[in-house]
Amino acid sequence: MLGPVLLAAARSEQIRKLVSAAPVTRPVVDRFVAGEQLDDALETIRSLDARGMEVTLDYLGEDITDPAEATRNRDAYLYLAEALKGEGLGVRAEMSVKLSAFGQALPGGHDLALANITPVVEAAAEANTTVTLDMEDHTTVDSTLAILDTLRERFPQTGAVVQSYLFRTEDDCHRLAGAGSRVRLVKGAYKEPATVAFQDKKEVDRAYVRCLKILMAGDGYPMVGSHDPRMVAITQDLARRFGRKQDEYEFQMLFGIREQEQERLVSEGHRVRTYIPYGTDWYGYFMRRLAERPANLAFFLRSLASRG
């Protein structure tokens, strides 16, 4: 019941101010967000790399209202690409991008987002890394996949994210599972209407498995975004069934969540990529993490109680 409330709160400016001002918030946010500056993120990359993990970096900044903000977000990613190139971290660290941060929701947003993301993908290639386009609410899917198609004409390694709770995603998986594609499968973290998305958790899980089978049977590179032990086990099962080696797919998990499981998978020889968000605009991301799992919310409330 709390999930929809928290997702609504993620878009409330008034609640944003209250949460941001609470003295306890910063230490709790630090569990899920790797700092506000690029140097913080780079330090986290080095730490995870030393433990055998790869990363994908997300500079936080969605729901923008001005083209100038889109330009600033573009420039932040160009700066990130340059830093990865300079430190030789491109082979271990890729970038994740929300196209809303590049102006997708503004007037003329599709063309604006494409114009802003293209130099970032070019810079990523020069840094020996790549970009994955995060998926947001269902109204953005067609635009995001169209931008993906355009980018892949020059940069076929550009990745996409699909969300199993959307009814359309099985068809999208069939289309995206071709040779050279990189697809991250997640369950979905936005509040969607019953007309376009499964509402029951069991239905979402069943859809996830169906989509996972399509991707594992295809010719692309599946990126399994889940902390669910059952989905991890099913992935390993499907990999054996379809003859995939451990370097022919990867697990992706969020920074600060199930860290011991991430280390266990690495110790077994699996590729594990940790999703690392950083930046000052952490509020929307933080609230979605609380909404996803009761354990995350309980962790935050315990911290409030202990410091209140």
Protein backbone atom coordinates (compact mmCIF):
# COMPACT_ATOMS: atom_id res chain seq x y z
CA MET A 1 0.00 0.00 0.00
CA LEU A 2 2.86 2.41 0.73
CA GLY A 3 4.48 1.96 -2.68
CA PRO A 4 2.04 4.20 -4.65
CA VAL A 5 2.18 6.82 -1.89
CA LEU A 6 5.97 6.97 -2.04
CA LEU A 7 5.97 7.09 -5.83
CA ALA A 8 3.57 10.03 -5.70
CA ALA A 9 5.78 11.67 -3.09
CA ALA A 10 8.74 11.32 -5.46
CA ARG A 11 7.12 14.02 -7.63
CA SER A 12 6.03 16.31 -4.78
CA GLU A 13 8.13 19.45 -4.38
CA GLN A 14 6.74 20.05 -0.87
CA ILE A 15 7.68 16.58 0.36
CA ARG A 16 11.04 16.90 -1.39
CA LYS A 17 11.81 19.96 0.73
CA LEU A 18 10.75 18.21 3.96
CA VAL A 19 12.77 15.07 3.29
CA SER A 20 15.81 17.00 2.08
CA ALA A 21 15.81 19.19 5.19
CA ALA A 22 15.59 16.28 7.67
CA PRO A 23 18.98 15.86 9.42
CA VAL A 24 18.79 12.08 9.15
CA THR A 25 18.22 12.01 5.39
CA ARG A 26 21.80 12.53 4.19
CA PRO A 27 23.32 9.50 5.99
CA VAL A 28 20.52 7.28 4.68
CA VAL A 29 20.77 8.63 1.14
CA ASP A 30 24.46 7.77 1.22
CA ARG A 31 23.49 4.11 1.33
CA PHE A 32 21.91 4.35 -2.13
CA VAL A 33 23.69 7.31 -3.76
CA ALA A 34 27.47 7.45 -4.25
CA GLY A 35 27.86 11.11 -3.34
CA GLU A 36 27.03 14.35 -5.09
CA GLN A 37 30.29 14.91 -7.00
CA LEU A 38 32.06 13.00 -9.76
CA ASP A 39 35.07 12.40 -7.52
CA ASP A 40 32.77 10.53 -5.10
CA ALA A 41 31.54 8.30 -7.91
CA LEU A 42 35.07 7.63 -9.17
CA GLU A 43 36.15 6.59 -5.69
CA THR A 44 33.24 4.15 -5.55
CA ILE A 45 34.18 2.73 -8.97
CA ARG A 46 37.71 2.04 -7.79
CA SER A 47 36.44 0.35 -4.64
CA LEU A 48 34.04 -1.92 -6.53
CA ASP A 49 36.59 -2.65 -9.25
CA ALA A 50 39.00 -3.88 -6.59
CA ARG A 51 36.29 -6.36 -5.54
CA GLY A 52 35.78 -7.63 -9.09
CA MET A 53 32.61 -5.71 -9.92
CA GLU A 54 31.81 -3.57 -12.92
CA VAL A 55 29.59 -0.49 -12.73
CA THR A 56 27.14 1.65 -14.62
CA LEU A 57 26.93 5.32 -13.67
CA ASP A 58 23.81 7.48 -13.56
CA TYR A 59 24.16 11.24 -13.11
CA LEU A 60 20.90 12.10 -11.37
CA GLY A 61 18.76 14.79 -12.95
CA GLU A 62 15.31 13.90 -14.23
CA ASP A 63 11.98 15.78 -14.62
CA ILE A 64 13.72 18.89 -15.90
CA THR A 65 11.71 21.94 -16.96
CA ASP A 66 14.23 23.94 -19.00
CA PRO A 67 16.42 23.15 -22.05
CA ALA A 68 19.36 24.71 -20.19
CA GLU A 69 19.07 21.95 -17.59
CA ALA A 70 19.24 19.37 -20.38
CA THR A 71 22.44 21.01 -21.60
CA ARG A 72 23.93 20.91 -18.10
CA ASN A 73 23.09 17.21 -17.78
CA ARG A 74 24.65 16.52 -21.18
CA ASP A 75 27.79 18.34 -20.12
CA ALA A 76 27.94 16.37 -16.85
CA TYR A 77 27.99 13.13 -18.86
CA LEU A 78 30.64 14.49 -21.22
CA TYR A 79 32.73 15.34 -18.17
CA LEU A 80 32.14 11.83 -16.83
CA ALA A 81 33.21 10.24 -20.14
CA GLU A 82 36.37 12.32 -20.13
CA ALA A 83 37.16 11.26 -16.55
CA LEU A 84 36.65 7.57 -17.39
CA LYS A 85 38.90 7.94 -20.42
CA GLY A 86 41.58 9.72 -18.42
CA GLU A 87 41.63 7.06 -15.70
CA GLY A 88 41.32 4.11 -18.08
CA LEU A 89 38.10 2.98 -16.39
CA GLY A 90 35.98 2.65 -19.53
CA VAL A 91 36.37 -1.12 -19.71
CA ARG A 92 34.87 -1.45 -16.21
CA ALA A 93 32.39 1.42 -16.13
CA GLU A 94 29.61 2.28 -18.53
CA MET A 95 26.98 5.03 -18.31
CA SER A 96 23.22 4.93 -17.81
CA VAL A 97 21.12 7.84 -19.05
CA LYS A 98 17.53 8.93 -18.45
CA LEU A 99 16.42 10.75 -21.56
CA SER A 100 14.09 12.94 -19.47
CA ALA A 101 17.29 14.50 -18.13
CA PHE A 102 18.19 15.35 -21.74
CA GLY A 103 14.91 17.13 -22.48
CA GLN A 104 12.68 14.31 -23.73
CA ALA A 105 9.57 15.63 -21.93
CA LEU A 106 10.01 19.23 -23.11
CA PRO A 107 8.37 20.64 -26.28
CA GLY A 108 10.18 19.07 -29.22
CA GLY A 109 11.67 16.72 -26.65
CA HIS A 110 12.38 13.73 -28.87
CA ASP A 111 14.67 15.69 -31.18
CA LEU A 112 16.17 17.62 -28.25
CA ALA A 113 16.98 14.42 -26.35
CA LEU A 114 18.53 12.83 -29.45
CA ALA A 115 20.64 15.92 -30.09
CA ASN A 116 21.86 15.94 -26.48
CA ILE A 117 22.53 12.23 -26.10
CA THR A 118 24.42 11.79 -29.39
CA PRO A 119 27.64 13.57 -28.29
CA VAL A 120 27.54 11.61 -25.02
CA VAL A 121 27.43 8.29 -26.89
CA GLU A 122 30.27 9.52 -29.12
CA ALA A 123 32.34 10.47 -26.07
CA ALA A 124 31.59 7.12 -24.44
CA ALA A 125 32.94 5.29 -27.49
CA GLU A 126 36.13 7.35 -27.33
CA ALA A 127 36.46 6.38 -23.65
CA ASN A 128 36.15 2.68 -24.57
CA THR A 129 32.77 2.37 -22.89
CA THR A 130 29.10 2.63 -23.82
CA VAL A 131 25.73 4.05 -22.80
CA THR A 132 22.52 2.33 -21.76
CA LEU A 133 19.23 4.23 -22.14
CA ASP A 134 17.20 3.85 -18.97
CA MET A 135 13.45 3.39 -19.38
CA GLU A 136 11.02 5.68 -17.59
CA ASP A 137 7.22 5.78 -17.59
CA HIS A 138 5.24 4.12 -20.39
CA THR A 139 4.62 7.37 -22.30
CA THR A 140 8.34 7.57 -23.15
CA VAL A 141 8.91 4.03 -24.44
CA ASP A 142 8.32 4.64 -28.15
CA SER A 143 10.53 7.73 -28.19
CA THR A 144 13.28 6.01 -26.21
CA LEU A 145 13.35 2.96 -28.47
CA ALA A 146 13.33 5.17 -31.58
CA ILE A 147 16.33 7.08 -30.23
CA LEU A 148 17.99 3.74 -29.47
CA ASP A 149 17.50 2.63 -33.09
CA THR A 150 19.08 5.83 -34.37
CA LEU A 151 22.06 5.60 -32.03
CA ARG A 152 22.69 1.93 -32.81
CA GLU A 153 23.17 2.73 -36.50
CA ARG A 154 26.57 4.20 -35.54
CA PHE A 155 27.06 2.73 -32.07
CA PRO A 156 25.52 -0.78 -32.03
CA GLN A 157 26.75 -1.36 -28.47
CA THR A 158 24.25 1.21 -27.10
CA GLY A 159 22.04 -0.54 -24.56
CA ALA A 160 18.35 -0.40 -23.70
CA VAL A 161 16.23 -1.10 -20.63
CA VAL A 162 12.85 -2.85 -20.71
CA GLN A 163 10.37 -3.23 -17.86
CA SER A 164 8.52 -6.50 -17.39
CA TYR A 165 5.42 -4.93 -15.83
CA LEU A 166 4.43 -3.30 -19.12
CA PHE A 167 2.16 -5.43 -21.32
CA ARG A 168 4.17 -4.53 -24.43
CA THR A 169 7.56 -5.65 -23.14
CA GLU A 170 7.52 -9.25 -24.42
CA ASP A 171 7.11 -7.92 -27.96
CA ASP A 172 9.87 -5.38 -27.33
CA CYS A 173 12.16 -8.18 -26.11
CA HIS A 174 11.60 -10.17 -29.29
CA ARG A 175 12.57 -7.12 -31.35
CA LEU A 176 15.59 -6.24 -29.22
CA ALA A 177 17.09 -9.71 -28.77
CA GLY A 178 19.12 -9.67 -31.98
CA ALA A 179 22.86 -10.01 -32.41
CA GLY A 180 24.88 -7.23 -30.83
CA SER A 181 22.07 -5.85 -28.71
CA ARG A 182 22.46 -5.15 -24.99
CA VAL A 183 19.22 -5.25 -23.01
CA ARG A 184 18.74 -4.70 -19.28
CA LEU A 185 15.56 -6.34 -17.99
CA VAL A 186 13.98 -4.87 -14.86
CA LYS A 187 10.56 -5.21 -13.27
CA GLY A 188 9.72 -1.48 -13.29
CA ALA A 189 9.64 1.24 -10.65
CA TYR A 190 7.05 3.77 -11.87
CA LYS A 191 3.36 3.90 -10.98
CA GLU A 192 1.60 2.77 -14.16
CA PRO A 193 -2.13 2.46 -14.95
CA ALA A 194 -3.80 -0.94 -15.24
CA THR A 195 -4.43 -0.26 -18.92
CA VAL A 196 -0.73 -0.66 -19.76
CA ALA A 197 0.90 -2.59 -16.91
CA PHE A 198 0.44 -5.56 -14.64
CA GLN A 199 -0.55 -4.47 -11.13
CA ASP A 200 -0.08 -7.76 -9.28
CA LYS A 201 3.46 -8.64 -8.18
CA LYS A 202 3.06 -12.29 -9.20
CA GLU A 203 1.98 -11.25 -12.70
CA VAL A 204 5.00 -8.93 -12.94
CA ASP A 205 7.28 -11.77 -11.87
CA ARG A 206 5.79 -14.17 -14.40
CA ALA A 207 6.19 -11.57 -17.12
CA TYR A 208 9.81 -11.06 -16.04
CA VAL A 209 10.54 -14.77 -16.52
CA ARG A 210 8.87 -14.81 -19.93
CA CYS A 211 10.93 -11.80 -21.04
CA LEU A 212 14.09 -13.32 -19.58
CA LYS A 213 13.57 -16.49 -21.60
CA ILE A 214 13.24 -14.44 -24.79
CA LEU A 215 16.47 -12.54 -24.11
CA MET A 216 18.46 -15.60 -23.03
CA ALA A 217 17.31 -17.52 -26.10
CA GLY A 218 18.20 -14.62 -28.40
CA ASP A 219 21.51 -13.53 -29.90
CA GLY A 220 22.03 -10.39 -27.81
CA TYR A 221 23.60 -9.73 -24.42
CA PRO A 222 21.07 -9.91 -21.55
CA MET A 223 21.64 -7.73 -18.48
CA VAL A 224 19.56 -9.12 -15.65
CA GLY A 225 18.48 -6.28 -13.37
CA SER A 226 17.06 -7.93 -10.27
CA HIS A 227 17.81 -8.48 -6.58
CA ASP A 228 15.24 -11.29 -6.36
CA PRO A 229 17.01 -14.58 -5.41
CA ARG A 230 14.46 -16.52 -7.42
CA MET A 231 15.20 -14.51 -10.57
CA VAL A 232 18.93 -14.97 -10.04
CA ALA A 233 18.45 -18.74 -9.81
CA ILE A 234 16.16 -18.78 -12.87
CA THR A 235 18.76 -16.82 -14.83
CA GLN A 236 21.45 -19.36 -14.00
CA ASP A 237 19.07 -22.15 -15.00
CA LEU A 238 18.25 -20.51 -18.34
CA ALA A 239 21.92 -19.83 -19.04
CA ARG A 240 22.63 -23.55 -18.73
CA ARG A 241 19.59 -24.42 -20.85
CA PHE A 242 20.62 -22.09 -23.69
CA GLY A 243 24.33 -22.85 -23.44
CA ARG A 244 25.38 -19.36 -22.38
CA LYS A 245 28.78 -18.92 -20.77
CA GLN A 246 29.16 -16.68 -17.73
CA ASP A 247 30.60 -13.85 -19.83
CA GLU A 248 27.62 -13.91 -22.21
CA TYR A 249 25.22 -12.23 -19.79
CA GLU A 250 25.48 -10.27 -16.56
CA PHE A 251 23.66 -9.49 -13.35
CA GLN A 252 22.95 -5.87 -12.47
CA MET A 253 22.08 -4.68 -8.98
CA LEU A 254 21.74 -1.31 -7.30
CA PHE A 255 24.42 0.33 -5.23
CA GLY A 256 23.75 -0.28 -1.53
CA ILE A 257 21.36 -3.22 -1.98
CA ARG A 258 22.22 -6.90 -1.47
CA GLU A 259 25.93 -6.23 -1.48
CA GLN A 260 26.78 -9.69 -0.10
CA GLU A 261 24.82 -11.30 -2.93
CA GLN A 262 26.75 -9.23 -5.46
CA GLU A 263 30.03 -10.41 -3.94
CA ARG A 264 28.81 -14.02 -3.87
CA LEU A 265 28.00 -13.97 -7.58
CA VAL A 266 31.39 -12.45 -8.39
CA SER A 267 33.10 -15.16 -6.36
CA GLU A 268 31.31 -17.76 -8.50
CA GLY A 269 32.68 -16.21 -11.68
CA HIS A 270 29.61 -14.24 -12.77
CA ARG A 271 29.74 -10.76 -14.23
CA VAL A 272 28.08 -8.31 -11.83
CA ARG A 273 27.50 -4.65 -12.63
CA THR A 274 26.51 -2.25 -9.86
CA TYR A 275 24.23 0.66 -10.77
CA ILE A 276 25.78 3.76 -9.20
CA PRO A 277 23.79 7.01 -9.08
CA TYR A 278 25.47 10.25 -8.09
CA GLY A 279 24.67 13.95 -8.13
CA THR A 280 22.70 16.52 -6.20
CA ASP A 281 19.28 15.68 -7.67
CA TRP A 282 18.90 12.44 -5.70
CA TYR A 283 15.37 12.84 -4.33
CA GLY A 284 13.27 11.08 -7.00
CA TYR A 285 15.68 8.16 -7.21
CA PHE A 286 15.79 7.83 -3.42
CA MET A 287 11.99 7.75 -3.05
CA ARG A 288 11.66 5.04 -5.72
CA ARG A 289 14.18 2.90 -3.85
CA LEU A 290 12.07 3.26 -0.70
CA ALA A 291 8.93 2.35 -2.65
CA GLU A 292 10.41 -0.79 -4.20
CA ARG A 293 11.15 -2.77 -1.05
CA PRO A 294 9.70 -2.59 2.48
CA ALA A 295 13.20 -3.31 3.80
CA ASN A 296 14.46 -0.05 2.31
CA LEU A 297 11.66 1.93 3.93
CA ALA A 298 12.18 0.16 7.25
CA PHE A 299 15.87 1.05 7.08
CA PHE A 300 14.99 4.73 6.60
CA LEU A 301 12.37 4.76 9.37
CA ARG A 302 14.74 3.04 11.82
CA SER A 303 17.28 5.73 11.10
CA LEU A 304 14.71 8.44 11.70
CA ALA A 305 13.72 6.86 15.00
CA SER A 306 17.30 6.37 16.18
CA ARG A 307 18.26 9.97 15.37
CA GLY A 308 15.03 11.69 16.23
